[in-house]
Each structure stands twice: as structure tokens, then as C-alpha cells.
């Protein structure tokens, strides 16, 4: 129900900013999951997690369509879907990880992965701008070449 609204709001921003914010919000929600056992805390964490999902899903396909060469569109969509595949791989491993390092540390580790993902989105945006030969950084400040 909120996907269209979230997509409309997200389209106002550059995609890398939306992806960074989404990954960061995922990380926050995962930290909240690991820190609470109260039902209202879990509901709030799930709400934050859902917001993170809605932020990125709507613009991901349009971003891939703009980024990919026409002849490689299928490969780019397949690569974009890896986020779900990797998540499905990590989920069962995290169950075992809770027995080895504990519940809270497992959630902290998963949140750390989300925060690293947010940083990687920033690095990729910088690299894309350099590849396109743009002479401004991501904040719009003129760079020395």
C-alpha cells in the first residue's frame, strides 16, 4: 500500500542517497531487533525494517534500467537480485551464529554488514562519478583534477 508513496518520495533524491539511507535504516532496525524482547520494541523494529525495504525496492528496478546497457539488462537485473539471494544465504548461517557468539552479537554483526553496505553505496557513487568524468564530488563541491 505504501510502496507507491515511498517510491514517489525516493525519486526526489539521487539513487545512491536512497540506497545508502535504506542500508543504514536496515542496520538500525537490525540493531533494534537484537536489543529488545518486548513486543512493542519488536513491532517498532519491524516498522523501521519495512521502511528501509520500501525506500529502495521502488527505485531499484528503474535504477538498473537506466544503468544497464540494453543488451545486458537481464544480467544487471540478475545481479541486482543478489541482495535477496545473499540475504537468504546469511539467514540460516545467522541462526547457527547465535549459538557461537550470542544473540546480541549476531545482530550487531548483521547490522555492521548493513552499515558497510551503506558505505559501499557511497564508494560506488564516487567511482561512478569519476568514471563519467564529472568534476564535482557528491556534495556538489568542485574537485581538483
Protein backbone atom coordinates (compact mmCIF):
# COMPACT_ATOMS: atom_id res chain seq x y z
CA UNK A 1 0.00 0.00 0.00
CA UNK A 2 2.83 2.39 0.80
CA UNK A 3 5.21 1.27 -1.94
CA UNK A 4 3.96 3.82 -4.47
CA UNK A 5 4.17 6.65 -1.96
CA UNK A 6 7.65 5.61 -0.81
CA UNK A 7 8.83 5.34 -4.41
CA UNK A 8 7.46 8.77 -5.24
CA UNK A 9 9.29 10.29 -2.26
CA UNK A 10 12.50 8.36 -3.02
CA UNK A 11 12.57 9.55 -6.63
CA UNK A 12 13.20 13.09 -5.38
CA UNK A 13 16.70 12.06 -4.28
CA UNK A 14 19.73 10.67 -6.07
CA UNK A 15 19.58 6.85 -6.08
CA UNK A 16 22.85 6.40 -4.19
CA UNK A 17 21.47 8.53 -1.33
CA UNK A 18 18.31 6.44 -1.17
CA UNK A 19 20.30 3.19 -1.23
CA UNK A 20 22.63 4.50 1.49
CA UNK A 21 19.72 5.60 3.65
CA UNK A 22 17.98 2.28 3.11
CA UNK A 23 21.05 0.25 4.10
CA UNK A 24 21.62 2.46 7.14
CA UNK A 25 17.96 2.12 8.16
CA UNK A 26 18.23 -1.66 7.77
CA UNK A 27 21.22 -1.56 10.11
CA UNK A 28 19.33 0.46 12.71
CA UNK A 29 16.36 -1.89 12.58
CA UNK A 30 18.60 -4.94 12.95
CA UNK A 31 20.27 -3.36 15.99
CA UNK A 32 16.82 -2.74 17.47
CA UNK A 33 15.84 -6.38 16.85
CA UNK A 34 18.90 -7.54 18.77
CA UNK A 35 18.37 -5.19 21.71
CA UNK A 36 14.73 -5.78 22.60
CA UNK A 37 12.49 -8.65 23.59
CA UNK A 38 9.43 -6.51 24.29
CA UNK A 39 6.62 -6.88 21.76
CA UNK A 40 6.30 -3.12 21.11
CA UNK A 41 10.04 -2.83 20.56
CA UNK A 42 9.90 -5.68 18.08
CA UNK A 43 6.93 -4.13 16.28
CA UNK A 44 8.79 -0.81 16.09
CA UNK A 45 11.91 -2.57 14.76
CA UNK A 46 9.79 -4.32 12.12
CA UNK A 47 8.26 -0.98 11.13
CA UNK A 48 11.75 0.54 10.69
CA UNK A 49 12.81 -2.55 8.70
CA UNK A 50 9.76 -2.18 6.44
CA UNK A 51 10.52 1.50 5.85
CA UNK A 52 14.06 0.52 4.80
CA UNK A 53 12.66 -2.00 2.36
CA UNK A 54 10.18 0.44 0.87
CA UNK A 55 12.88 3.07 0.39
CA UNK A 56 14.97 1.01 -2.02
CA UNK A 57 12.69 -1.51 -3.71
CA UNK A 58 10.71 1.02 -5.71
CA UNK A 59 13.67 2.74 -7.32
CA UNK A 60 15.94 -0.30 -7.69
CA UNK A 61 14.41 -1.51 -10.94
CA UNK A 62 14.34 1.92 -12.55
CA UNK A 63 17.96 2.48 -11.44
CA UNK A 64 19.03 -0.81 -13.02
CA UNK A 65 17.12 0.01 -16.21
CA UNK A 66 18.94 3.36 -16.51
CA UNK A 67 22.34 1.91 -15.63
CA UNK A 68 22.37 -1.24 -17.78
CA UNK A 69 23.17 -1.39 -21.48
CA UNK A 70 20.12 -2.75 -23.33
CA UNK A 71 21.88 -5.96 -24.38
CA UNK A 72 22.87 -6.73 -20.76
CA UNK A 73 19.65 -5.77 -19.00
CA UNK A 74 18.86 -9.32 -17.85
CA UNK A 75 22.31 -9.76 -16.34
CA UNK A 76 22.04 -6.48 -14.46
CA UNK A 77 18.62 -7.44 -13.07
CA UNK A 78 20.04 -10.81 -12.01
CA UNK A 79 22.93 -9.08 -10.25
CA UNK A 80 20.51 -6.68 -8.55
CA UNK A 81 18.51 -9.61 -7.21
CA UNK A 82 21.62 -10.93 -5.45
CA UNK A 83 20.71 -8.88 -2.41
CA UNK A 84 17.84 -11.29 -1.78
CA UNK A 85 19.95 -14.35 -2.58
CA UNK A 86 22.73 -13.25 -0.23
CA UNK A 87 20.15 -12.49 2.46
CA UNK A 88 18.66 -15.97 2.09
CA UNK A 89 22.15 -17.42 2.45
CA UNK A 90 23.08 -15.37 5.52
CA UNK A 91 19.80 -16.00 7.37
CA UNK A 92 20.38 -19.71 8.12
CA UNK A 93 24.02 -19.01 9.00
CA UNK A 94 22.94 -16.37 11.50
CA UNK A 95 20.88 -18.95 13.40
CA UNK A 96 24.00 -21.04 13.94
CA UNK A 97 26.00 -17.92 14.71
CA UNK A 98 23.73 -17.10 17.66
CA UNK A 99 24.83 -20.31 19.36
CA UNK A 100 28.51 -19.47 18.82
CA UNK A 101 28.69 -15.76 19.66
CA UNK A 102 25.31 -15.00 21.19
CA UNK A 103 22.08 -13.35 20.15
CA UNK A 104 23.05 -9.70 20.55
CA UNK A 105 26.46 -10.04 18.90
CA UNK A 106 24.90 -11.81 15.93
CA UNK A 107 22.51 -8.93 15.38
CA UNK A 108 25.35 -6.44 15.82
CA UNK A 109 27.35 -8.29 13.16
CA UNK A 110 24.44 -8.28 10.72
CA UNK A 111 23.85 -4.58 11.40
CA UNK A 112 27.55 -3.96 10.76
CA UNK A 113 27.15 -5.63 7.37
CA UNK A 114 24.27 -3.27 6.59
CA UNK A 115 26.35 -0.24 7.63
CA UNK A 116 29.24 -1.48 5.47
CA UNK A 117 26.73 -1.78 2.62
CA UNK A 118 25.75 1.86 3.11
CA UNK A 119 29.41 2.82 2.88
CA UNK A 120 29.86 0.74 -0.26
CA UNK A 121 26.98 2.55 -1.92
CA UNK A 122 28.81 5.81 -1.26
CA UNK A 123 32.10 4.45 -2.63
CA UNK A 124 30.35 3.14 -5.74
CA UNK A 125 28.69 6.52 -6.30
CA UNK A 126 32.09 8.24 -6.09
CA UNK A 127 33.59 5.75 -8.54
CA UNK A 128 30.68 6.14 -10.96
CA UNK A 129 31.05 9.92 -10.94
CA UNK A 130 34.78 9.61 -11.60
CA UNK A 131 34.15 7.15 -14.42
CA UNK A 132 31.71 9.56 -16.03
CA UNK A 133 34.31 12.31 -15.76
CA UNK A 134 32.25 14.58 -13.56
CA UNK A 135 34.35 17.22 -11.88
CA UNK A 136 32.20 17.68 -8.78
CA UNK A 137 32.11 15.46 -5.74
CA UNK A 138 28.87 14.03 -4.37
CA UNK A 139 28.16 17.17 -2.34
CA UNK A 140 28.38 19.40 -5.42
CA UNK A 141 31.75 20.89 -4.48
CA UNK A 142 34.23 21.46 -7.32
CA UNK A 143 37.10 18.95 -7.27
CA UNK A 144 40.67 19.49 -8.44
CA UNK A 145 41.55 17.25 -11.37
